[in-house]
């Protein structure tokens, strides 16, 4: 949105961008970014060989669904923050609750495991690449979400950028989960949460530069 258009809109008393338009643009960003994220998964990683068997394991669904909950909260926050004068309300709580849930599971698992199994459950076999891989798969959705927000008029660009990062990070982590072999709660609590946090922080830093008008 151009500054002159926004000034004219404010002068006419139309403060907020229509909700449907904001939601449509964020949905479009997700739909445009998803194929590229899946392309990265299939080209560079591949789906785990036992994916059908893994679907019967509860921790597999925890690994897939808790990032999707964060992505959903990021979507709500982004579409609200894209409209001037609209507050995100409780959207951030929707992103925090899944993280707190995974941390709780990690604490329970940590103190119920034998001492010699604790560090292996935390580090797994892929801790070195987990966060970076999530960030890589989040990148297409992240870029598309920022472009969508630039077409709107966020008055809190840092928060809007962070919301785009939460949306993209959650999507990226869920897609990476289709490849990742790790299933322990301590691993998810540290490395998956770290991978999702990276695009959130990057979005908060880039927002004031890319989303200001």
C-alpha atoms as a PDB file:
ATOM      1  CA  UNK A   1       0.000   0.000   0.000  1.00  0.00           C
ATOM      2  CA  UNK A   2       1.343   3.439  -0.967  1.00  0.00           C
ATOM      3  CA  UNK A   3       1.538   6.209   1.629  1.00  0.00           C
ATOM      4  CA  UNK A   4      -0.767   8.502  -0.373  1.00  0.00           C
ATOM      5  CA  UNK A   5      -3.387   5.757  -0.564  1.00  0.00           C
ATOM      6  CA  UNK A   6      -3.178   5.171   3.173  1.00  0.00           C
ATOM      7  CA  UNK A   7      -3.529   8.902   3.916  1.00  0.00           C
ATOM      8  CA  UNK A   8      -6.596   9.056   1.667  1.00  0.00           C
ATOM      9  CA  UNK A   9      -8.057   5.987   3.370  1.00  0.00           C
ATOM     10  CA  UNK A  10      -7.542   7.492   6.814  1.00  0.00           C
ATOM     11  CA  UNK A  11      -9.078  10.776   5.687  1.00  0.00           C
ATOM     12  CA  UNK A  12     -12.178   8.916   4.543  1.00  0.00           C
ATOM     13  CA  UNK A  13     -12.477   7.237   7.933  1.00  0.00           C
ATOM     14  CA  UNK A  14     -11.665   3.717   6.677  1.00  0.00           C
ATOM     15  CA  UNK A  15      -8.989   2.722   9.147  1.00  0.00           C
ATOM     16  CA  UNK A  16      -8.651  -1.043   8.827  1.00  0.00           C
ATOM     17  CA  UNK A  17      -7.915  -3.109   5.758  1.00  0.00           C
ATOM     18  CA  UNK A  18     -10.836  -5.524   5.270  1.00  0.00           C
ATOM     19  CA  UNK A  19     -10.174  -8.769   7.108  1.00  0.00           C
ATOM     20  CA  UNK A  20     -10.960 -10.998   4.161  1.00  0.00           C
ATOM     21  CA  UNK A  21      -8.434  -9.195   1.998  1.00  0.00           C
ATOM     22  CA  UNK A  22      -5.720  -9.617   4.630  1.00  0.00           C
ATOM     23  CA  UNK A  23      -6.552 -13.297   5.159  1.00  0.00           C
ATOM     24  CA  UNK A  24      -6.644 -13.900   1.413  1.00  0.00           C
ATOM     25  CA  UNK A  25      -3.176 -12.433   0.930  1.00  0.00           C
ATOM     26  CA  UNK A  26      -1.641 -14.429   3.766  1.00  0.00           C
ATOM     27  CA  UNK A  27      -3.308 -17.636   2.529  1.00  0.00           C
ATOM     28  CA  UNK A  28      -2.000 -16.919  -0.949  1.00  0.00           C
ATOM     29  CA  UNK A  29       1.498 -16.479   0.481  1.00  0.00           C
ATOM     30  CA  UNK A  30       1.270 -19.877   2.201  1.00  0.00           C
ATOM     31  CA  UNK A  31      -0.039 -21.575  -0.931  1.00  0.00           C
ATOM     32  CA  UNK A  32       2.714 -20.038  -3.058  1.00  0.00           C
ATOM     33  CA  UNK A  33       5.470 -20.919  -0.609  1.00  0.00           C
ATOM     34  CA  UNK A  34       4.419 -24.484   0.265  1.00  0.00           C
ATOM     35  CA  UNK A  35       5.353 -26.109  -3.074  1.00  0.00           C
ATOM     36  CA  UNK A  36       8.867 -24.694  -2.818  1.00  0.00           C
ATOM     37  CA  UNK A  37       9.225 -25.912   0.776  1.00  0.00           C
ATOM     38  CA  UNK A  38       8.147 -29.403  -0.257  1.00  0.00           C
ATOM     39  CA  UNK A  39      10.510 -29.218  -3.227  1.00  0.00           C
ATOM     40  CA  UNK A  40      13.393 -28.592  -0.809  1.00  0.00           C
ATOM     41  CA  UNK A  41      12.243 -31.553   1.300  1.00  0.00           C
ATOM     42  CA  UNK A  42      12.079 -33.974  -1.625  1.00  0.00           C
ATOM     43  CA  UNK A  43      15.178 -32.726  -3.442  1.00  0.00           C
ATOM     44  CA  UNK A  44      17.579 -32.323  -0.530  1.00  0.00           C
ATOM     45  CA  UNK A  45      16.237 -34.583   2.236  1.00  0.00           C
ATOM     46  CA  UNK A  46      13.520 -37.025   1.259  1.00  0.00           C
ATOM     47  CA  UNK A  47      10.695 -38.450   3.359  1.00  0.00           C
ATOM     48  CA  UNK A  48      11.655 -40.896   6.107  1.00  0.00           C
ATOM     49  CA  UNK A  49      11.513 -44.464   4.829  1.00  0.00           C
ATOM     50  CA  UNK A  50       9.150 -45.650   7.579  1.00  0.00           C
ATOM     51  CA  UNK A  51       6.670 -42.779   7.282  1.00  0.00           C
ATOM     52  CA  UNK A  52       3.626 -45.092   7.187  1.00  0.00           C
ATOM     53  CA  UNK A  53       4.706 -46.938  10.326  1.00  0.00           C
ATOM     54  CA  UNK A  54       5.600 -43.633  12.045  1.00  0.00           C
ATOM     55  CA  UNK A  55       2.044 -42.386  11.579  1.00  0.00           C
ATOM     56  CA  UNK A  56       0.967 -44.851  14.277  1.00  0.00           C
ATOM     57  CA  UNK A  57       3.324 -43.353  16.852  1.00  0.00           C
ATOM     58  CA  UNK A  58       1.932 -40.536  19.086  1.00  0.00           C
ATOM     59  CA  UNK A  59       5.235 -38.634  19.215  1.00  0.00           C
ATOM     60  CA  UNK A  60       5.297 -38.410  15.428  1.00  0.00           C
ATOM     61  CA  UNK A  61       2.042 -36.452  15.540  1.00  0.00           C
ATOM     62  CA  UNK A  62       3.328 -34.312  18.382  1.00  0.00           C
ATOM     63  CA  UNK A  63       6.315 -33.479  16.174  1.00  0.00           C
ATOM     64  CA  UNK A  64       4.070 -32.572  13.231  1.00  0.00           C
ATOM     65  CA  UNK A  65       1.192 -30.860  15.003  1.00  0.00           C
ATOM     66  CA  UNK A  66       2.849 -28.627  17.578  1.00  0.00           C
ATOM     67  CA  UNK A  67       4.625 -26.604  14.854  1.00  0.00           C
ATOM     68  CA  UNK A  68       1.364 -26.419  12.898  1.00  0.00           C
ATOM     69  CA  UNK A  69      -0.297 -24.861  15.947  1.00  0.00           C
ATOM     70  CA  UNK A  70       2.461 -22.248  16.016  1.00  0.00           C
ATOM     71  CA  UNK A  71       1.979 -21.660  12.295  1.00  0.00           C
ATOM     72  CA  UNK A  72      -1.761 -21.169  12.799  1.00  0.00           C
ATOM     73  CA  UNK A  73      -1.127 -18.629  15.549  1.00  0.00           C
ATOM     74  CA  UNK A  74       1.398 -16.860  13.315  1.00  0.00           C
ATOM     75  CA  UNK A  75      -1.165 -16.736  10.526  1.00  0.00           C
ATOM     76  CA  UNK A  76      -3.752 -15.094  12.785  1.00  0.00           C
ATOM     77  CA  UNK A  77      -1.204 -12.612  14.123  1.00  0.00           C
ATOM     78  CA  UNK A  78       0.060 -11.747  10.631  1.00  0.00           C
ATOM     79  CA  UNK A  79      -3.368 -11.140   9.138  1.00  0.00           C
ATOM     80  CA  UNK A  80      -4.337  -8.943  12.088  1.00  0.00           C
ATOM     81  CA  UNK A  81      -1.071  -7.007  12.187  1.00  0.00           C
ATOM     82  CA  UNK A  82      -1.329  -6.421   8.452  1.00  0.00           C
ATOM     83  CA  UNK A  83      -4.344  -4.225   9.096  1.00  0.00           C
ATOM     84  CA  UNK A  84      -3.588  -0.812  10.625  1.00  0.00           C
ATOM     85  CA  UNK A  85      -5.031  -0.290  14.067  1.00  0.00           C
ATOM     86  CA  UNK A  86      -5.791  -3.996  14.645  1.00  0.00           C
ATOM     87  CA  UNK A  87      -4.121  -5.718  17.605  1.00  0.00           C
ATOM     88  CA  UNK A  88      -2.978  -9.364  17.546  1.00  0.00           C
ATOM     89  CA  UNK A  89      -4.917  -9.999  20.789  1.00  0.00           C
ATOM     90  CA  UNK A  90      -4.274 -13.549  22.026  1.00  0.00           C
ATOM     91  CA  UNK A  91      -2.571 -14.858  18.884  1.00  0.00           C
ATOM     92  CA  UNK A  92       0.835 -14.936  20.570  1.00  0.00           C
ATOM     93  CA  UNK A  93      -0.602 -17.062  23.364  1.00  0.00           C
ATOM     94  CA  UNK A  94      -1.628 -19.543  20.692  1.00  0.00           C
ATOM     95  CA  UNK A  95       2.024 -19.762  19.641  1.00  0.00           C
ATOM     96  CA  UNK A  96       3.356 -20.006  23.194  1.00  0.00           C
ATOM     97  CA  UNK A  97       1.063 -22.787  24.438  1.00  0.00           C
ATOM     98  CA  UNK A  98       2.377 -25.514  22.060  1.00  0.00           C
ATOM     99  CA  UNK A  99       5.930 -24.614  23.040  1.00  0.00           C
ATOM    100  CA  UNK A 100       5.082 -24.805  26.731  1.00  0.00           C
ATOM    101  CA  UNK A 101       3.405 -28.168  26.109  1.00  0.00           C
ATOM    102  CA  UNK A 102       6.491 -29.603  24.424  1.00  0.00           C
ATOM    103  CA  UNK A 103       8.738 -28.215  27.145  1.00  0.00           C
ATOM    104  CA  UNK A 104       6.542 -29.891  29.759  1.00  0.00           C
ATOM    105  CA  UNK A 105       6.802 -33.215  27.929  1.00  0.00           C
ATOM    106  CA  UNK A 106      10.575 -32.736  27.716  1.00  0.00           C
ATOM    107  CA  UNK A 107      10.901 -32.124  31.459  1.00  0.00           C
ATOM    108  CA  UNK A 108       8.832 -35.211  32.235  1.00  0.00           C
ATOM    109  CA  UNK A 109      10.862 -37.330  29.811  1.00  0.00           C
ATOM    110  CA  UNK A 110      14.164 -35.968  31.115  1.00  0.00           C
ATOM    111  CA  UNK A 111      13.474 -36.943  34.727  1.00  0.00           C
ATOM    112  CA  UNK A 112      11.936 -40.322  33.879  1.00  0.00           C
ATOM    113  CA  UNK A 113      14.771 -41.455  31.613  1.00  0.00           C
ATOM    114  CA  UNK A 114      17.846 -43.204  33.020  1.00  0.00           C
ATOM    115  CA  UNK A 115      20.740 -40.785  33.442  1.00  0.00           C
ATOM    116  CA  UNK A 116      22.756 -42.351  30.622  1.00  0.00           C
ATOM    117  CA  UNK A 117      19.894 -41.866  28.138  1.00  0.00           C
ATOM    118  CA  UNK A 118      19.195 -38.205  28.830  1.00  0.00           C
ATOM    119  CA  UNK A 119      21.840 -36.590  26.649  1.00  0.00           C
ATOM    120  CA  UNK A 120      21.209 -38.942  23.696  1.00  0.00           C
ATOM    121  CA  UNK A 121      17.502 -38.056  23.891  1.00  0.00           C
ATOM    122  CA  UNK A 122      18.415 -34.366  23.797  1.00  0.00           C
ATOM    123  CA  UNK A 123      21.045 -34.441  21.058  1.00  0.00           C
ATOM    124  CA  UNK A 124      19.711 -37.271  18.897  1.00  0.00           C
ATOM    125  CA  UNK A 125      21.560 -37.958  15.661  1.00  0.00           C
ATOM    126  CA  UNK A 126      20.734 -34.777  13.774  1.00  0.00           C
ATOM    127  CA  UNK A 127      21.004 -31.864  16.208  1.00  0.00           C
ATOM    128  CA  UNK A 128      23.653 -30.187  14.046  1.00  0.00           C
ATOM    129  CA  UNK A 129      21.338 -29.768  11.056  1.00  0.00           C
ATOM    130  CA  UNK A 130      17.866 -29.640  12.603  1.00  0.00           C
ATOM    131  CA  UNK A 131      17.424 -25.901  13.223  1.00  0.00           C
ATOM    132  CA  UNK A 132      19.101 -24.924   9.946  1.00  0.00           C
ATOM    133  CA  UNK A 133      16.955 -27.408   8.006  1.00  0.00           C
ATOM    134  CA  UNK A 134      13.767 -26.018   9.529  1.00  0.00           C
ATOM    135  CA  UNK A 135      14.873 -22.508   8.607  1.00  0.00           C
ATOM    136  CA  UNK A 136      15.625 -23.594   5.054  1.00  0.00           C
ATOM    137  CA  UNK A 137      12.200 -25.157   4.585  1.00  0.00           C
ATOM    138  CA  UNK A 138      10.572 -22.123   6.172  1.00  0.00           C
ATOM    139  CA  UNK A 139      12.279 -19.708   3.781  1.00  0.00           C
ATOM    140  CA  UNK A 140       9.802 -19.855   0.851  1.00  0.00           C
ATOM    141  CA  UNK A 141       6.753 -19.255   3.065  1.00  0.00           C
ATOM    142  CA  UNK A 142       8.647 -16.598   5.017  1.00  0.00           C
ATOM    143  CA  UNK A 143       9.547 -14.658   1.893  1.00  0.00           C
ATOM    144  CA  UNK A 144       6.027 -14.935   0.485  1.00  0.00           C
ATOM    145  CA  UNK A 145       4.484 -13.815   3.802  1.00  0.00           C
ATOM    146  CA  UNK A 146       6.726 -10.739   3.922  1.00  0.00           C
ATOM    147  CA  UNK A 147       5.719  -9.831   0.378  1.00  0.00           C
ATOM    148  CA  UNK A 148       2.069 -10.214   1.358  1.00  0.00           C
ATOM    149  CA  UNK A 149       2.531  -7.978   4.398  1.00  0.00           C
ATOM    150  CA  UNK A 150       4.285  -5.342   2.272  1.00  0.00           C
ATOM    151  CA  UNK A 151       1.103  -5.079   0.211  1.00  0.00           C
ATOM    152  CA  UNK A 152      -0.818  -4.215   3.381  1.00  0.00           C
ATOM    153  CA  UNK A 153      -0.184  -1.527   5.981  1.00  0.00           C
ATOM    154  CA  UNK A 154       1.262  -2.953   9.201  1.00  0.00           C
ATOM    155  CA  UNK A 155       1.733  -0.287  11.852  1.00  0.00           C
ATOM    156  CA  UNK A 156       3.877  -2.608  13.989  1.00  0.00           C
ATOM    157  CA  UNK A 157       6.393  -3.875  11.433  1.00  0.00           C
ATOM    158  CA  UNK A 158       8.617  -5.712  13.916  1.00  0.00           C
ATOM    159  CA  UNK A 159       5.683  -7.693  15.307  1.00  0.00           C
ATOM    160  CA  UNK A 160       4.316  -8.286  11.808  1.00  0.00           C
ATOM    161  CA  UNK A 161       7.693  -9.635  10.704  1.00  0.00           C
ATOM    162  CA  UNK A 162       7.835 -11.882  13.764  1.00  0.00           C
ATOM    163  CA  UNK A 163       4.342 -13.175  12.964  1.00  0.00           C
ATOM    164  CA  UNK A 164       5.458 -14.011   9.424  1.00  0.00           C
ATOM    165  CA  UNK A 165       8.411 -15.860  10.968  1.00  0.00           C
ATOM    166  CA  UNK A 166       6.148 -17.831  13.309  1.00  0.00           C
ATOM    167  CA  UNK A 167       3.920 -18.808  10.404  1.00  0.00           C
ATOM    168  CA  UNK A 168       6.854 -19.845   8.238  1.00  0.00           C
ATOM    169  CA  UNK A 169       8.812 -21.508  11.034  1.00  0.00           C
ATOM    170  CA  UNK A 170       5.855 -23.627  12.052  1.00  0.00           C
ATOM    171  CA  UNK A 171       5.229 -24.696   8.469  1.00  0.00           C
ATOM    172  CA  UNK A 172       8.922 -25.429   7.907  1.00  0.00           C
ATOM    173  CA  UNK A 173       9.178 -27.543  11.065  1.00  0.00           C
ATOM    174  CA  UNK A 174       6.098 -29.590  10.159  1.00  0.00           C
ATOM    175  CA  UNK A 175       7.477 -30.298   6.708  1.00  0.00           C
ATOM    176  CA  UNK A 176      10.905 -31.201   8.073  1.00  0.00           C
ATOM    177  CA  UNK A 177       9.187 -33.585  10.495  1.00  0.00           C
ATOM    178  CA  UNK A 178       8.330 -35.781   7.503  1.00  0.00           C
ATOM    179  CA  UNK A 179      12.068 -36.422   7.100  1.00  0.00           C
ATOM    180  CA  UNK A 180      13.370 -36.240  10.673  1.00  0.00           C
ATOM    181  CA  UNK A 181      13.868 -39.522  12.514  1.00  0.00           C
ATOM    182  CA  UNK A 182      14.009 -37.989  16.005  1.00  0.00           C
ATOM    183  CA  UNK A 183      11.025 -38.620  18.284  1.00  0.00           C
ATOM    184  CA  UNK A 184      12.114 -37.643  21.793  1.00  0.00           C
ATOM    185  CA  UNK A 185      10.506 -34.707  23.571  1.00  0.00           C
ATOM    186  CA  UNK A 186      13.809 -33.166  24.755  1.00  0.00           C
ATOM    187  CA  UNK A 187      15.050 -33.038  21.160  1.00  0.00           C
ATOM    188  CA  UNK A 188      11.864 -31.359  19.969  1.00  0.00           C
ATOM    189  CA  UNK A 189      11.864 -28.939  22.896  1.00  0.00           C
ATOM    190  CA  UNK A 190      15.340 -27.650  22.076  1.00  0.00           C
ATOM    191  CA  UNK A 191      16.092 -28.086  18.388  1.00  0.00           C
ATOM    192  CA  UNK A 192      12.629 -27.778  16.835  1.00  0.00           C
ATOM    193  CA  UNK A 193      11.800 -24.784  18.992  1.00  0.00           C
ATOM    194  CA  UNK A 194      15.178 -23.250  18.079  1.00  0.00           C
ATOM    195  CA  UNK A 195      14.506 -23.823  14.385  1.00  0.00           C
ATOM    196  CA  UNK A 196      11.137 -22.085  14.649  1.00  0.00           C
ATOM    197  CA  UNK A 197      12.580 -19.249  16.742  1.00  0.00           C
ATOM    198  CA  UNK A 198      15.143 -18.318  14.084  1.00  0.00           C
ATOM    199  CA  UNK A 199      12.661 -17.031  11.448  1.00  0.00           C
ATOM    200  CA  UNK A 200      10.693 -15.298  14.223  1.00  0.00           C
ATOM    201  CA  UNK A 201      13.791 -13.356  15.282  1.00  0.00           C
ATOM    202  CA  UNK A 202      14.823 -12.674  11.690  1.00  0.00           C
ATOM    203  CA  UNK A 203      11.307 -11.438  10.921  1.00  0.00           C
ATOM    204  CA  UNK A 204      11.377  -9.112  13.925  1.00  0.00           C
ATOM    205  CA  UNK A 205      14.694  -7.681  12.724  1.00  0.00           C
ATOM    206  CA  UNK A 206      13.702  -7.361   9.060  1.00  0.00           C
ATOM    207  CA  UNK A 207      10.177  -6.079   9.705  1.00  0.00           C
ATOM    208  CA  UNK A 208      11.117  -2.455  10.479  1.00  0.00           C
ATOM    209  CA  UNK A 209      13.212  -2.329   7.293  1.00  0.00           C
ATOM    210  CA  UNK A 210      11.000  -4.205   4.863  1.00  0.00           C
ATOM    211  CA  UNK A 211       7.483  -3.503   6.126  1.00  0.00           C
ATOM    212  CA  UNK A 212       7.595   0.187   6.951  1.00  0.00           C
ATOM    213  CA  UNK A 213       5.658   2.591   4.714  1.00  0.00           C
END
